[in-house]
């Protein structure tokens, strides 16, 4: 439904309807399909082409939103994985050097004398 089709159905001049009631007509354009669908459900008619088109458009919008969310999540995951990989390669030599130092370091052990009980 368009604003033009609403003004054609109403007994008012088109320019006056656009000028005075443009916001209302925009809201009606969004609400009327739901109202018509509810009225058709109340008389239990078969689903109309208009309803099928609206349902298909809603489904397509949902699919597009989910694809956009998935692509954003994949991009973020790729960014985090790249960051972790770069950090690993930057820190690997330092980590290996610390391990080498720990294994190569000689720590001489010496006995600790027992404390003198008389002192």
Protein backbone atom coordinates (compact mmCIF):
# COMPACT_ATOMS: atom_id res chain seq x y z
CA UNK A 1 0.00 0.00 0.00
CA UNK A 2 1.29 3.45 -0.88
CA UNK A 3 0.34 6.97 0.12
CA UNK A 4 -1.05 7.49 -3.38
CA UNK A 5 -3.39 4.50 -3.11
CA UNK A 6 -4.59 5.77 0.28
CA UNK A 7 -5.33 9.22 -1.10
CA UNK A 8 -7.17 7.72 -4.06
CA UNK A 9 -9.43 5.79 -1.68
CA UNK A 10 -10.11 8.78 0.58
CA UNK A 11 -12.50 11.58 -0.45
CA UNK A 12 -9.90 14.32 -0.04
CA UNK A 13 -7.57 16.22 -2.26
CA UNK A 14 -4.27 14.43 -2.63
CA UNK A 15 -2.14 17.51 -1.93
CA UNK A 16 -4.07 18.24 1.27
CA UNK A 17 -3.65 14.67 2.48
CA UNK A 18 0.09 14.73 1.79
CA UNK A 19 0.49 18.16 3.36
CA UNK A 20 -1.65 17.69 6.46
CA UNK A 21 -1.41 13.96 7.17
CA UNK A 22 1.88 12.74 5.72
CA UNK A 23 3.16 11.34 9.05
CA UNK A 24 -0.13 9.56 9.71
CA UNK A 25 -0.11 8.10 6.21
CA UNK A 26 3.44 6.81 6.72
CA UNK A 27 2.39 5.10 9.95
CA UNK A 28 -0.72 3.67 8.29
CA UNK A 29 1.40 2.27 5.49
CA UNK A 30 3.29 0.22 8.09
CA UNK A 31 0.28 -0.78 10.21
CA UNK A 32 -2.37 -1.53 7.57
CA UNK A 33 -0.91 -4.84 6.29
CA UNK A 34 -1.02 -6.24 9.84
CA UNK A 35 -4.59 -5.02 10.29
CA UNK A 36 -5.69 -6.51 6.98
CA UNK A 37 -4.01 -9.79 7.84
CA UNK A 38 -5.79 -9.88 11.22
CA UNK A 39 -9.13 -9.19 9.53
CA UNK A 40 -8.52 -11.94 6.98
CA UNK A 41 -7.59 -14.34 9.80
CA UNK A 42 -10.86 -13.53 11.57
CA UNK A 43 -12.88 -14.71 8.54
CA UNK A 44 -10.52 -17.65 7.95
CA UNK A 45 -9.73 -16.97 4.30
CA UNK A 46 -6.78 -18.43 2.51
CA UNK A 47 -3.49 -16.59 2.70
CA UNK A 48 -3.27 -13.82 0.18
CA UNK A 49 -0.45 -13.02 -2.19
CA UNK A 50 0.08 -9.79 -0.24
CA UNK A 51 0.63 -11.72 2.98
CA UNK A 52 2.95 -14.18 1.32
CA UNK A 53 4.94 -11.29 -0.12
CA UNK A 54 5.15 -9.61 3.28
CA UNK A 55 6.22 -12.88 4.93
CA UNK A 56 8.85 -13.46 2.26
CA UNK A 57 10.19 -9.93 2.64
CA UNK A 58 10.37 -10.35 6.42
CA UNK A 59 12.20 -13.66 6.02
CA UNK A 60 14.62 -12.13 3.52
CA UNK A 61 15.32 -9.24 5.90
CA UNK A 62 15.95 -11.66 8.75
CA UNK A 63 18.33 -13.71 6.59
CA UNK A 64 20.18 -10.57 5.49
CA UNK A 65 20.55 -9.42 9.12
CA UNK A 66 21.85 -12.82 10.22
CA UNK A 67 24.32 -12.97 7.33
CA UNK A 68 25.60 -9.52 8.24
CA UNK A 69 26.00 -10.57 11.89
CA UNK A 70 27.82 -13.76 10.86
CA UNK A 71 30.18 -11.85 8.54
CA UNK A 72 30.94 -9.34 11.29
CA UNK A 73 31.62 -12.16 13.77
CA UNK A 74 33.88 -13.95 11.27
CA UNK A 75 35.80 -10.73 10.63
CA UNK A 76 36.24 -10.16 14.36
CA UNK A 77 37.34 -13.77 14.88
CA UNK A 78 39.87 -13.46 12.05
CA UNK A 79 41.21 -10.25 13.58
CA UNK A 80 41.60 -11.87 17.02
CA UNK A 81 43.26 -14.97 15.54
CA UNK A 82 45.72 -12.82 13.57
CA UNK A 83 46.52 -10.81 16.69
CA UNK A 84 47.12 -13.99 18.73
CA UNK A 85 49.30 -15.47 15.98
CA UNK A 86 51.43 -12.32 15.74
CA UNK A 87 51.76 -12.12 19.51
CA UNK A 88 52.82 -15.78 19.63
CA UNK A 89 55.56 -15.25 17.05
CA UNK A 90 56.77 -12.11 18.81
CA UNK A 91 56.95 -13.76 22.23
CA UNK A 92 58.20 -17.20 21.13
CA UNK A 93 61.95 -16.33 21.17
CA UNK A 94 61.67 -14.75 24.62
CA UNK A 95 59.75 -17.74 25.97
CA UNK A 96 62.22 -20.24 24.50
CA UNK A 97 65.16 -18.24 25.92
CA UNK A 98 63.58 -18.30 29.37
CA UNK A 99 63.08 -22.09 29.11
CA UNK A 100 66.67 -22.58 27.97
CA UNK A 101 67.96 -20.44 30.82
CA UNK A 102 65.90 -22.39 33.32
CA UNK A 103 67.18 -25.78 32.10
CA UNK A 104 70.81 -24.69 31.64
CA UNK A 105 71.22 -22.81 34.88
CA UNK A 106 73.34 -24.65 37.41
CA UNK A 107 72.36 -24.13 40.96
CA UNK A 108 74.96 -25.48 43.34
CA UNK A 109 73.46 -27.01 46.39
CA UNK A 110 75.23 -26.63 49.71
CA UNK A 111 74.28 -28.00 53.04
CA UNK A 112 72.90 -25.56 55.50
CA UNK A 113 74.42 -25.97 58.92
CA UNK A 114 72.05 -26.74 61.70
CA UNK A 115 71.61 -23.93 64.17
CA UNK A 116 73.74 -24.21 67.30
CA UNK A 117 71.42 -25.00 70.19
CA UNK A 118 73.81 -23.46 72.71
CA UNK A 119 74.01 -20.11 71.07
